[in-house]
Amino acid sequence: MKIIKKYLSNKELEPIHQLLGEHVYMVYSERFRVNINLNLFESSCFSLSSKKGFFNFQTSWIDFDDYEYYQLHIEQTDNPKGIKKSEGGFMLPFSTINITPSSAIVKVELFEDKDEEEWNSEGRELITVKYDSSLLFTQQDEKQFLVGVSETIADLTLFIRDRQSIVEHLEPMKKRLEWK
């Protein structure tokens, strides 16, 4: 079996260091959908608001002839991604998730997932793709939230605040990196 690793580069992970010690009060999105049964939100992008700007998380589904996987994108900007502004500089309609009271982020864990090919008709070697899938943020008050890949071809990113839902989401994954 062939293993392909599609991890975020050190440069792509740089914004994560900036979030340590930060308070995140609001999560912005152009719009999102809520899955009450799974206690999660899904959107094309989530932007975590902090005093250091906005930390944007977005997912792409990458599909090649031989394999497929989900790619998480992270960037730091001055404005939330995907939210338009009026001529006067005001943000136009958007959605928010309020996570107050907030305490400082003291730990961030990066989890990897994998897409295992179970069979192929061409007779070639089976392929497993390992990729960065979810970031678990732990706050000083021990509350947590997760931003990660929503495994759908619709390029959705998910946000989870409920502890049990986080545990269930991370169960098949493996922790790859940690920042404190």
Foldseek 3Di string as FASTA:
>chain_A
DAEAEDEDDPVQCVVVVVQFFWWFFKKKAQDWDADPVLQKIKHQWIWTQTPQATKIWWKAWADDPQDIDIAIGIDGDRDYPPFDADPVGHTDDIDMDGDPPIAGFHKKWWKKDKDWDPDDDVPDDTYIYIYTFKIWTAGPVRFIKMWGDDPDNPGMIMIHRDPVSVCVVCVRIDTDDMDD
